[in-house]
Every structure is written in structure tokens, then in C-alpha cells.
């Protein structure tokens, strides 16, 4: 039987994925066939609607890839809707404290583990599979918090120690922004923050993740060598745009 993403994360296995910001099912289908372990439907920095997100989740899941949704913010209503699409888990942005991490975990889980409201949507097979889904959700749903603010770095141990937090993923752009140097990944403050995260990550059970934004294979390999196990490689628009530019520069 194929291991779930949660099991692989808890066993410290390496997995790789990417980001989808275009709300077309063909994009999800093309990327799902590329070999990624998981794909994230981005509802924070995109125009993807909830209806489109559900369609993307359907396509990703049908290809055997794990569908995740990055919600717009740490809001129980948004997390509930994302999970009801059938997503296998959520990535929650700007989690800067243990309390905020606990809020995210509770929003994913039904009582008594959490406070998620019960709906009969796609995830629950529209009312014909709630009991099975309830068990699956408790055992296999994934909660990943984003470490993308200097406060989150300071509170890293408390955040990643919250029961139910399966992993974290570093958001480099917002992290650099919180340090006052947006987009400057080589600034000493940014380097110190990343070194601090890596050092602390060795002491946590949460799977360590990083989003390599630009489609830079060497940078991806460096992050893997640094010990990150949950690695995101770029996103749909950058992959498409970079490929077009590289090819056109050779043929023009």
C-alpha cells in the first residue's frame, strides 16, 4: 500500500512538490504528470476561487499526487472550506506563535481533537462517506505551518512542538520582508535567520520544508543538502515563463 504524505513526513522521508496559481485544470493535470509527490493549490497569492480549487484538487488526486491547499490566512472558515474540497491538508501562512499553530490544527480536525464544523461536501462524498472520512482525516490529514516572519523564527520551537503540526515550510520572500530586506536573500540578517531555522529544525520532529521560488535546480539541491525534507520547487507561472524565455533566447 502506498504511504500517505503524513506517514512519509513523520518517517523523515524526502518529498518534493510545487505550487499552482493558475485556476485551470489542464495546468494541474500537466504538473501532476511531471512526477511531483504533492502539489499546492495557492489561494493566498492567486485569483483561484474555491470552486476552481476543488476542481484542481480533483485532478491532482485522480493522478495519484497529493493535493494540498495554501489558504489565504489562518482562518477556521477558510481552512474548513479548503479541507471540504478533498484536499489532503493545508499550508497555513504567517503562523507566528504556538497559539496560532494550535488554531490551525484545531480548524483541520473535528471534535474532540479540534473545532472543525461538519459539512457534507466532496471530502465526505457528499454525505455518503462521512464516517470513513472522519477516520481518514484524523489519521492522515496534514497541517503545515509557514515560517515566514521574524517572530516565527523567534517562536520556532514552540510552534513546531504543537501536537498536530506535521511540518513547516519557510517562505523566503515574506521572511526577508519582515527583516526589512524584501527579496534580498543574501543579506546577513536573512542568512542568520535561515541558519537559526536550520539549527532549530534539527531538534524538532516536524518535517522541515522550504519553498525554492525561482526554478533553480542548484538552489533546490542545496536546500536538500541542508536537510530540508519537504521541498517546493517554484510555481506554475515561473516554470512556464522561464522555460519560454530559455527556449526563445536560443531560437530568436
Protein backbone atom coordinates (compact mmCIF):
# COMPACT_ATOMS: atom_id res chain seq x y z
CA UNK A 1 0.00 0.00 0.00
CA UNK A 2 1.27 3.44 -0.93
CA UNK A 3 2.39 5.51 2.03
CA UNK A 4 0.45 8.66 2.81
CA UNK A 5 2.19 12.02 2.80
CA UNK A 6 1.73 12.25 6.56
CA UNK A 7 3.46 8.91 7.09
CA UNK A 8 6.32 9.86 4.81
CA UNK A 9 6.78 13.17 6.61
CA UNK A 10 6.75 11.55 10.04
CA UNK A 11 9.33 8.99 8.89
CA UNK A 12 11.63 11.76 7.70
CA UNK A 13 11.39 10.85 4.03
CA UNK A 14 12.13 13.42 1.36
CA UNK A 15 9.24 14.66 -0.78
CA UNK A 16 9.08 17.31 -3.48
CA UNK A 17 6.23 19.37 -4.80
CA UNK A 18 5.31 22.61 -6.49
CA UNK A 19 2.79 25.44 -6.44
CA UNK A 20 -0.25 26.07 -8.66
CA UNK A 21 -1.55 29.62 -9.05
CA UNK A 22 -3.47 29.29 -12.32
CA UNK A 23 -7.01 28.04 -11.90
CA UNK A 24 -7.19 25.78 -14.94
CA UNK A 25 -7.47 22.01 -14.64
CA UNK A 26 -5.05 21.47 -17.53
CA UNK A 27 -2.30 23.15 -15.51
CA UNK A 28 -2.95 20.77 -12.63
CA UNK A 29 -3.03 17.80 -14.99
CA UNK A 30 0.26 18.71 -16.70
CA UNK A 31 2.04 19.30 -13.40
CA UNK A 32 0.56 16.18 -11.80
CA UNK A 33 2.11 14.08 -14.55
CA UNK A 34 5.57 15.59 -14.03
CA UNK A 35 6.49 13.38 -11.07
CA UNK A 36 5.88 15.62 -8.06
CA UNK A 37 4.84 13.96 -4.79
CA UNK A 38 2.42 16.76 -3.94
CA UNK A 39 1.04 19.95 -5.41
CA UNK A 40 -0.19 23.03 -3.59
CA UNK A 41 -3.19 24.97 -4.85
CA UNK A 42 -2.41 28.53 -3.82
CA UNK A 43 -5.40 30.52 -2.56
CA UNK A 44 -3.32 33.23 -0.92
CA UNK A 45 -1.46 34.84 -3.81
CA UNK A 46 -3.64 33.96 -6.77
CA UNK A 47 -7.07 34.51 -8.26
CA UNK A 48 -8.05 30.85 -7.74
CA UNK A 49 -11.62 30.59 -6.43
CA UNK A 50 -12.90 27.91 -4.09
CA UNK A 51 -14.78 26.21 -6.93
CA UNK A 52 -11.64 26.21 -9.08
CA UNK A 53 -9.57 24.93 -6.15
CA UNK A 54 -11.90 21.95 -5.77
CA UNK A 55 -11.56 21.12 -9.48
CA UNK A 56 -7.77 21.33 -9.21
CA UNK A 57 -7.81 19.09 -6.14
CA UNK A 58 -9.94 16.55 -8.04
CA UNK A 59 -7.49 16.43 -10.97
CA UNK A 60 -4.40 16.22 -8.75
CA UNK A 61 -5.89 13.45 -6.63
CA UNK A 62 -7.02 11.42 -9.64
CA UNK A 63 -3.43 11.29 -10.90
CA UNK A 64 -2.22 9.84 -7.60
CA UNK A 65 -0.49 13.03 -6.43
CA UNK A 66 -1.28 14.53 -3.01
CA UNK A 67 -3.35 17.73 -3.26
CA UNK A 68 -2.76 20.46 -0.67
CA UNK A 69 -4.21 23.95 -0.40
CA UNK A 70 -2.42 27.03 0.86
CA UNK A 71 -5.21 29.06 2.44
CA UNK A 72 -5.40 32.83 2.40
CA UNK A 73 -4.92 33.18 6.14
CA UNK A 74 -5.15 31.28 9.41
CA UNK A 75 -8.94 31.38 9.50
CA UNK A 76 -11.08 28.39 10.63
CA UNK A 77 -13.74 29.08 8.00
CA UNK A 78 -11.22 29.17 5.15
CA UNK A 79 -9.43 26.06 6.41
CA UNK A 80 -12.72 24.19 6.76
CA UNK A 81 -13.71 25.07 3.19
CA UNK A 82 -10.30 24.04 1.88
CA UNK A 83 -10.46 20.66 3.61
CA UNK A 84 -14.02 20.09 2.42
CA UNK A 85 -12.80 20.21 -1.20
CA UNK A 86 -10.98 16.95 -0.51
CA UNK A 87 -7.53 18.45 -0.03
CA UNK A 88 -5.28 16.15 1.97
CA UNK A 89 -4.07 19.03 4.08
CA UNK A 90 -3.43 22.73 4.31
CA UNK A 91 -0.47 25.05 4.34
CA UNK A 92 -1.20 27.94 6.67
CA UNK A 93 0.59 31.26 6.15
CA UNK A 94 2.05 33.61 8.75
CA UNK A 95 1.95 31.30 11.76
CA UNK A 96 3.99 33.27 14.28
CA UNK A 97 3.12 31.68 17.63
CA UNK A 98 2.18 28.39 19.24
CA UNK A 99 -1.35 29.71 19.76
CA UNK A 100 -1.71 30.40 16.05
CA UNK A 101 -0.36 26.93 15.23
CA UNK A 102 -2.90 25.39 17.60
CA UNK A 103 -5.67 27.37 15.91
CA UNK A 104 -4.69 25.89 12.54
CA UNK A 105 -4.59 22.33 13.88
CA UNK A 106 -7.99 22.69 15.52
CA UNK A 107 -9.50 24.08 12.31
CA UNK A 108 -8.44 20.96 10.37
CA UNK A 109 -9.69 18.44 12.96
CA UNK A 110 -13.19 17.53 14.07
CA UNK A 111 -14.07 17.46 17.78
CA UNK A 112 -12.76 16.34 20.20
CA UNK A 113 -9.35 16.98 18.60
CA UNK A 114 -10.42 20.28 17.07
CA UNK A 115 -13.35 22.54 16.30
CA UNK A 116 -13.93 21.95 12.60
CA UNK A 117 -17.57 22.18 11.63
CA UNK A 118 -19.15 19.21 9.91
CA UNK A 119 -20.24 19.59 6.32
CA UNK A 120 -21.20 17.05 3.69
CA UNK A 121 -19.16 18.18 0.72
CA UNK A 122 -16.78 16.46 -1.70
CA UNK A 123 -14.40 15.30 1.04
CA UNK A 124 -17.23 13.45 2.77
CA UNK A 125 -18.53 12.04 -0.53
CA UNK A 126 -21.45 14.44 -0.35
CA UNK A 127 -22.87 12.77 2.75
CA UNK A 128 -22.23 9.13 1.82
CA UNK A 129 -18.81 8.73 3.38
CA UNK A 130 -18.57 10.90 6.47
CA UNK A 131 -17.55 8.18 8.95
CA UNK A 132 -14.76 6.92 6.70
CA UNK A 133 -13.57 10.44 6.01
CA UNK A 134 -13.65 11.32 9.71
CA UNK A 135 -11.26 8.45 10.45
CA UNK A 136 -9.06 9.30 7.48
CA UNK A 137 -8.92 12.96 8.44
CA UNK A 138 -7.85 12.17 11.98
CA UNK A 139 -5.12 9.78 10.82
CA UNK A 140 -3.87 11.25 7.54
CA UNK A 141 -4.71 14.95 7.11
CA UNK A 142 -1.67 17.21 7.08
CA UNK A 143 -1.08 20.57 8.74
CA UNK A 144 1.92 22.56 7.56
CA UNK A 145 2.69 25.97 9.02
CA UNK A 146 4.61 28.64 7.20
CA UNK A 147 7.63 30.16 8.90
CA UNK A 148 7.83 33.47 7.09
CA UNK A 149 8.24 36.14 9.74
CA UNK A 150 10.98 37.01 12.20
CA UNK A 151 8.51 36.39 15.05
CA UNK A 152 8.01 32.84 13.79
CA UNK A 153 11.77 32.30 13.85
CA UNK A 154 11.90 33.52 17.44
CA UNK A 155 9.00 31.24 18.40
CA UNK A 156 10.07 28.34 16.20
CA UNK A 157 10.41 25.67 18.91
CA UNK A 158 7.00 26.44 20.42
CA UNK A 159 5.27 26.50 17.02
CA UNK A 160 6.68 23.21 15.73
CA UNK A 161 6.09 21.47 19.06
CA UNK A 162 2.32 21.93 18.87
CA UNK A 163 0.67 18.48 18.55
CA UNK A 164 -0.80 18.09 15.09
CA UNK A 165 1.74 20.25 13.29
CA UNK A 166 3.25 17.83 10.76
CA UNK A 167 5.74 20.17 9.22
CA UNK A 168 6.79 23.70 8.40
CA UNK A 169 7.81 25.45 5.23
CA UNK A 170 9.96 28.55 5.03
CA UNK A 171 8.56 31.39 2.91
CA UNK A 172 11.74 33.31 1.96
CA UNK A 173 10.16 36.40 0.45
CA UNK A 174 7.94 37.29 3.39
CA UNK A 175 10.65 36.32 5.86
CA UNK A 176 13.07 38.71 4.18
CA UNK A 177 10.33 41.35 4.16
CA UNK A 178 9.79 41.04 7.90
CA UNK A 179 13.52 41.69 8.33
CA UNK A 180 13.25 44.86 6.25
CA UNK A 181 15.15 43.46 3.26
CA UNK A 182 12.41 42.10 0.94
CA UNK A 183 13.79 39.77 -1.72
CA UNK A 184 17.39 40.12 -0.52
CA UNK A 185 18.20 36.52 0.35
CA UNK A 186 21.93 37.17 0.73
CA UNK A 187 21.58 39.90 3.35
CA UNK A 188 23.33 38.96 6.64
CA UNK A 189 20.07 39.21 8.59
CA UNK A 190 18.38 36.80 6.20
CA UNK A 191 21.30 34.40 6.27
CA UNK A 192 21.32 34.49 10.08
CA UNK A 193 17.56 33.81 10.19
CA UNK A 194 17.88 30.81 7.86
CA UNK A 195 20.83 29.45 9.82
CA UNK A 196 18.78 29.83 13.01
CA UNK A 197 15.88 27.89 11.45
CA UNK A 198 18.14 25.06 10.27
CA UNK A 199 19.73 24.76 13.69
CA UNK A 200 16.38 24.67 15.46
CA UNK A 201 14.86 22.32 12.87
CA UNK A 202 17.30 19.59 13.88
CA UNK A 203 15.64 19.50 17.31
CA UNK A 204 12.03 19.21 16.13
CA UNK A 205 10.02 16.27 14.86
CA UNK A 206 8.20 18.46 12.35
CA UNK A 207 9.21 17.89 8.75
CA UNK A 208 11.44 20.75 7.58
CA UNK A 209 10.30 22.49 4.43
CA UNK A 210 11.42 25.30 2.16
CA UNK A 211 9.95 26.92 -0.93
CA UNK A 212 12.60 27.46 -3.60
CA UNK A 213 10.76 30.15 -5.54
CA UNK A 214 12.87 30.56 -8.65
CA UNK A 215 13.21 27.40 -10.81
CA UNK A 216 16.84 26.99 -9.82
CA UNK A 217 17.85 23.32 -9.71
CA UNK A 218 21.16 24.03 -7.98
CA UNK A 219 19.43 26.01 -5.22
CA UNK A 220 16.91 23.19 -4.81
CA UNK A 221 19.76 20.70 -4.45
CA UNK A 222 21.47 22.97 -1.91
CA UNK A 223 18.35 23.11 0.22
CA UNK A 224 18.02 19.35 0.04
CA UNK A 225 21.63 19.00 1.14
CA UNK A 226 20.92 21.35 4.04
CA UNK A 227 18.41 18.83 5.36
CA UNK A 228 15.07 20.11 4.13
CA UNK A 229 12.72 17.17 3.55
CA UNK A 230 9.56 18.93 2.32
CA UNK A 231 10.78 20.94 -0.64
CA UNK A 232 8.69 23.01 -3.02
CA UNK A 233 10.18 23.77 -6.42
CA UNK A 234 8.98 27.03 -7.91
CA UNK A 235 5.41 27.52 -9.24
CA UNK A 236 3.46 27.14 -12.44
CA UNK A 237 3.90 30.67 -13.84
CA UNK A 238 7.64 30.81 -13.19
CA UNK A 239 8.19 27.34 -14.63
CA UNK A 240 6.26 28.28 -17.76
CA UNK A 241 7.80 31.72 -18.13
CA UNK A 242 11.35 30.55 -17.50
CA UNK A 243 11.02 27.72 -20.00
CA UNK A 244 9.64 30.06 -22.66
CA UNK A 245 12.43 32.59 -22.11
CA UNK A 246 15.18 29.97 -22.19
CA UNK A 247 13.88 28.42 -25.38
CA UNK A 248 13.22 31.74 -27.12
CA UNK A 249 16.70 33.06 -26.28
CA UNK A 250 18.10 30.11 -28.25
CA UNK A 251 15.85 30.38 -31.29
CA UNK A 252 15.44 34.09 -31.84
